[in-house]
Amino acid sequence: MYGKGLRPLSLITAASVALTLVAALFWAPNDAYLGFLQKIFYVHVPLAILTLCGFVAAGLMAIAHLRTRDPRWDMRSYVAIHISLIFGVTVLITGSIWARGAWGHWWVWNDPTLVSFLLVMLLYATYQPLRFAIEDPERQARYASVFAITAGAFVPINFAIVRLAPAYVHPRTLSNISGNLPGRMQVVFYLALFAITLLWITLWRFEMTAKHVAAQTRRLRALLGEESDEEGPVRRSAAPSLTHAGSVS
């Protein structure tokens, strides 16, 4: 189900990412102040946008899980948070590199944009430990969905608060895109945003496909009696199941 059309999607994603890198490195002009270092902007900012959007999407999927009790929505929310956390770590790494070159510091603690993103990441870093501290599968899925909804609601609220706060060091990126970026820089940025969006979707589809195949394999092995006859009790790992609401695979 999740693997349908994954090959062409992967090819389109790879081509989009490659085109973005070529355009950013060789076609977009250097920044007048930061020079070549500014080109990290085309990776850093789209990754940050997709990270936050992924967290919100996970919250919406969690709402669908609570409404329907369908374990597939729990799995989708779980994977969305997982992918977004990976993107978020990349945002922090690329942002630190950019900050070191631009400001001479790896981190600036008095800037609300930087600190608020770190707080969001620390909040979501507790998702898996809290989830798998609960052994009962149904309670695990239900509480995980409540967490995803609450944390997902915090993301736009946090974004609004940061937008209202005075800018200290970190620029207001979304405002600068339409107002200050030259034409070629804008084109490359929107191309990068499209490519990173495809990358998030592709990675999400890959992980969903892998977990779906693993669930199907376990189901077939259970029917054949291999787990009870050869391996003893089924070992559970830290991932929700597609077969029972909130169970771990």
Protein backbone atom coordinates (compact mmCIF):
# COMPACT_ATOMS: atom_id res chain seq x y z
CA MET A 1 0.00 0.00 0.00
CA TYR A 2 2.63 2.54 1.07
CA GLY A 3 5.20 1.35 -1.47
CA LYS A 4 2.97 1.98 -4.47
CA GLY A 5 4.61 4.59 -6.70
CA LEU A 6 7.60 4.84 -4.37
CA ARG A 7 10.20 4.24 -7.09
CA PRO A 8 9.16 7.18 -9.34
CA LEU A 9 8.70 9.35 -6.25
CA SER A 10 12.23 8.52 -5.15
CA LEU A 11 13.64 9.35 -8.57
CA ILE A 12 11.81 12.68 -8.68
CA THR A 13 13.01 13.48 -5.16
CA ALA A 14 16.63 12.63 -5.99
CA ALA A 15 16.48 14.74 -9.16
CA SER A 16 14.91 17.67 -7.29
CA VAL A 17 17.51 17.57 -4.52
CA ALA A 18 20.35 17.32 -7.05
CA LEU A 19 18.95 20.21 -9.10
CA THR A 20 18.58 22.29 -5.95
CA LEU A 21 22.19 21.69 -4.93
CA VAL A 22 23.49 22.57 -8.39
CA ALA A 23 21.33 25.71 -8.57
CA ALA A 24 22.33 26.81 -5.07
CA LEU A 25 26.04 26.25 -5.60
CA PHE A 26 26.48 27.49 -9.16
CA TRP A 27 23.47 29.56 -10.22
CA ALA A 28 22.35 31.53 -7.17
CA PRO A 29 24.58 34.57 -6.54
CA ASN A 30 26.72 34.86 -3.42
CA ASP A 31 25.39 37.02 -0.63
CA ALA A 32 26.94 40.49 -0.46
CA TYR A 33 27.71 40.14 3.26
CA LEU A 34 28.11 36.40 3.96
CA GLY A 35 29.42 35.38 0.57
CA PHE A 36 29.43 31.64 -0.18
CA LEU A 37 28.43 30.77 3.42
CA GLN A 38 24.92 32.08 2.78
CA LYS A 39 24.21 29.13 0.49
CA ILE A 40 23.58 26.96 3.56
CA PHE A 41 20.35 28.98 3.79
CA TYR A 42 18.86 26.86 0.97
CA VAL A 43 19.16 23.75 3.13
CA HIS A 44 18.71 25.14 6.64
CA VAL A 45 15.49 27.08 6.19
CA PRO A 46 13.47 24.48 4.19
CA LEU A 47 14.52 21.80 6.68
CA ALA A 48 13.27 23.98 9.55
CA ILE A 49 9.95 24.60 7.81
CA LEU A 50 9.42 20.90 7.07
CA THR A 51 10.40 19.95 10.62
CA LEU A 52 7.69 22.13 12.13
CA CYS A 53 5.12 21.19 9.48
CA GLY A 54 5.89 17.52 10.11
CA PHE A 55 5.19 17.93 13.82
CA VAL A 56 1.87 19.60 13.07
CA ALA A 57 1.00 16.84 10.57
CA ALA A 58 1.76 14.24 13.26
CA GLY A 59 -0.69 16.00 15.55
CA LEU A 60 -3.42 15.88 12.90
CA MET A 61 -2.74 12.18 12.35
CA ALA A 62 -2.99 11.64 16.10
CA ILE A 63 -6.41 13.32 16.09
CA ALA A 64 -7.49 10.88 13.39
CA HIS A 65 -6.23 8.01 15.56
CA LEU A 66 -8.23 9.10 18.59
CA ARG A 67 -11.33 9.58 16.47
CA THR A 68 -11.16 6.26 14.61
CA ARG A 69 -9.00 4.03 16.88
CA ASP A 70 -7.34 2.91 13.66
CA PRO A 71 -3.75 1.80 14.47
CA ARG A 72 -2.59 2.94 11.04
CA TRP A 73 -3.04 6.58 12.07
CA ASP A 74 -0.97 5.95 15.19
CA MET A 75 1.78 4.50 13.02
CA ARG A 76 1.61 7.45 10.61
CA SER A 77 1.89 9.93 13.47
CA TYR A 78 4.80 7.99 14.99
CA VAL A 79 6.73 7.97 11.70
CA ALA A 80 6.01 11.65 11.03
CA ILE A 81 7.53 12.60 14.38
CA HIS A 82 10.51 10.31 13.76
CA ILE A 83 11.30 11.87 10.35
CA SER A 84 10.77 15.40 11.65
CA LEU A 85 13.14 14.81 14.56
CA ILE A 86 15.85 13.74 12.09
CA PHE A 87 15.21 16.88 10.04
CA GLY A 88 15.27 18.96 13.22
CA VAL A 89 18.70 17.66 14.24
CA THR A 90 19.96 18.61 10.77
CA VAL A 91 18.49 22.09 11.25
CA LEU A 92 20.39 22.54 14.51
CA ILE A 93 23.66 21.34 12.92
CA THR A 94 23.40 23.52 9.79
CA GLY A 95 22.21 26.47 11.88
CA SER A 96 25.21 26.20 14.18
CA ILE A 97 27.59 26.11 11.21
CA TRP A 98 25.87 29.17 9.73
CA ALA A 99 25.94 31.00 13.07
CA ARG A 100 29.64 30.32 13.56
CA GLY A 101 30.51 31.78 10.16
CA ALA A 102 28.10 34.72 10.35
CA TRP A 103 28.19 35.75 14.03
CA GLY A 104 31.35 34.10 15.33
CA HIS A 105 29.39 31.93 17.79
CA TRP A 106 27.97 28.43 17.48
CA TRP A 107 24.85 29.49 19.40
CA VAL A 108 23.22 32.71 20.63
CA TRP A 109 21.04 32.20 23.70
CA ASN A 110 19.30 35.58 23.67
CA ASP A 111 17.59 35.05 20.31
CA PRO A 112 13.96 33.84 20.60
CA THR A 113 13.93 32.06 17.24
CA LEU A 114 16.90 29.84 18.07
CA VAL A 115 15.86 29.08 21.63
CA SER A 116 12.24 28.38 20.71
CA PHE A 117 13.23 25.86 18.02
CA LEU A 118 15.52 24.13 20.51
CA LEU A 119 12.66 23.95 23.03
CA VAL A 120 10.41 22.36 20.41
CA MET A 121 13.10 19.78 19.64
CA LEU A 122 13.64 18.99 23.32
CA LEU A 123 9.88 18.59 23.75
CA TYR A 124 9.63 16.06 20.92
CA ALA A 125 12.80 14.29 22.06
CA THR A 126 10.75 13.02 25.01
CA TYR A 127 8.12 11.44 22.73
CA GLN A 128 9.67 8.00 22.35
CA PRO A 129 10.91 7.60 25.95
CA LEU A 130 7.47 8.55 27.25
CA ARG A 131 5.68 6.37 24.73
CA PHE A 132 7.63 3.20 25.38
CA ALA A 133 7.58 3.67 29.14
CA ILE A 134 3.96 2.45 28.86
CA GLU A 135 3.64 -1.29 28.36
CA ASP A 136 -0.07 -1.60 27.63
CA PRO A 137 -0.41 -1.23 23.83
CA GLU A 138 -3.75 0.59 23.77
CA ARG A 139 -2.77 3.04 26.51
CA GLN A 140 0.57 3.56 24.81
CA ALA A 141 -1.04 4.55 21.50
CA ARG A 142 -3.68 6.70 23.18
CA TYR A 143 -1.22 8.64 25.34
CA ALA A 144 1.19 9.02 22.42
CA SER A 145 -1.61 10.56 20.37
CA VAL A 146 -2.48 12.97 23.18
CA PHE A 147 1.18 13.98 23.37
CA ALA A 148 1.40 14.48 19.59
CA ILE A 149 -1.74 16.63 19.57
CA THR A 150 -0.63 18.78 22.51
CA ALA A 151 2.90 19.25 21.19
CA GLY A 152 1.60 19.85 17.66
CA ALA A 153 -0.67 22.61 18.93
CA PHE A 154 2.32 24.19 20.67
CA VAL A 155 4.24 24.55 17.38
CA PRO A 156 2.06 27.26 15.71
CA ILE A 157 1.55 29.01 19.05
CA ASN A 158 5.30 29.08 19.55
CA PHE A 159 5.80 30.34 15.98
CA ALA A 160 3.34 33.20 16.54
CA ILE A 161 5.02 34.22 19.79
CA VAL A 162 8.42 34.28 18.11
CA ARG A 163 7.07 36.36 15.22
CA LEU A 164 5.75 38.93 17.69
CA ALA A 165 9.02 39.07 19.62
CA PRO A 166 11.67 41.59 18.57
CA ALA A 167 14.36 40.22 16.27
CA TYR A 168 17.74 40.09 18.00
CA VAL A 169 20.20 38.21 15.83
CA HIS A 170 18.28 35.70 13.74
CA PRO A 171 16.64 37.34 10.68
CA ARG A 172 12.92 37.06 9.97
CA THR A 173 13.39 34.63 7.11
CA LEU A 174 9.87 34.47 5.68
CA SER A 175 9.67 38.26 5.49
CA ASN A 176 13.08 38.53 3.86
CA ILE A 177 12.28 36.00 1.15
CA SER A 178 9.63 38.16 -0.48
CA GLY A 179 11.22 41.50 0.27
CA ASN A 180 14.99 41.28 0.18
CA LEU A 181 16.08 38.23 -1.80
CA PRO A 182 17.06 38.80 -5.43
CA GLY A 183 15.09 36.94 -8.08
CA ARG A 184 17.47 34.03 -8.56
CA MET A 185 17.80 33.51 -4.80
CA GLN A 186 14.02 33.35 -4.48
CA VAL A 187 13.76 30.80 -7.29
CA VAL A 188 16.40 28.57 -5.71
CA PHE A 189 14.78 28.86 -2.29
CA TYR A 190 11.37 27.77 -3.54
CA LEU A 191 13.02 24.97 -5.51
CA ALA A 192 14.79 23.88 -2.32
CA LEU A 193 11.54 24.02 -0.36
CA PHE A 194 9.87 21.81 -2.99
CA ALA A 195 12.80 19.35 -2.94
CA ILE A 196 12.92 19.10 0.86
CA THR A 197 9.15 18.60 0.96
CA LEU A 198 9.50 15.70 -1.48
CA LEU A 199 12.37 14.34 0.62
CA TRP A 200 10.23 14.36 3.78
CA ILE A 201 7.35 12.63 2.00
CA THR A 202 9.66 10.05 0.41
CA LEU A 203 11.37 9.18 3.69
CA TRP A 204 7.98 8.95 5.41
CA ARG A 205 6.73 6.61 2.69
CA PHE A 206 9.88 4.47 2.90
CA GLU A 207 9.55 4.02 6.65
CA MET A 208 5.83 3.33 6.44
CA THR A 209 6.48 0.73 3.73
CA ALA A 210 9.16 -0.95 5.82
CA LYS A 211 6.93 -1.13 8.88
CA HIS A 212 3.99 -2.38 6.83
CA VAL A 213 6.13 -5.16 5.33
CA ALA A 214 7.46 -6.06 8.79
CA ALA A 215 3.91 -6.30 10.13
CA GLN A 216 2.86 -8.51 7.21
CA THR A 217 5.90 -10.75 7.76
CA ARG A 218 5.14 -11.16 11.46
CA ARG A 219 1.55 -11.99 10.63
CA LEU A 220 2.58 -14.70 8.17
CA ARG A 221 5.16 -16.15 10.56
CA ALA A 222 2.54 -16.27 13.31
CA LEU A 223 0.20 -18.18 11.00
CA LEU A 224 2.95 -20.67 10.23
CA GLY A 225 3.65 -21.12 13.92
CA GLU A 226 7.34 -20.29 13.60
CA GLU A 227 7.45 -17.87 16.49
CA SER A 228 5.91 -20.27 19.01
CA ASP A 229 7.75 -23.41 17.84
CA GLU A 230 11.22 -22.08 17.07
CA GLU A 231 11.82 -18.73 18.71
CA GLY A 232 9.72 -18.75 21.85
CA PRO A 233 8.01 -15.52 22.97
CA VAL A 234 7.78 -12.69 20.47
CA ARG A 235 10.31 -9.93 21.16
CA ARG A 236 8.86 -6.47 21.17
CA SER A 237 10.71 -3.44 19.90
CA ALA A 238 10.15 0.30 20.15
CA ALA A 239 7.72 0.83 17.28
CA PRO A 240 3.92 0.82 17.02
CA SER A 241 2.19 -1.97 15.17
CA LEU A 242 -0.18 -1.83 12.24
CA THR A 243 -2.13 -4.85 13.42
CA HIS A 244 -3.35 -3.80 16.87
CA ALA A 245 -3.99 -0.29 18.11
CA GLY A 246 -0.82 0.99 19.67
CA SER A 247 0.94 -2.35 20.07
CA VAL A 248 4.66 -2.50 19.65
CA SER A 249 6.44 -4.57 17.02
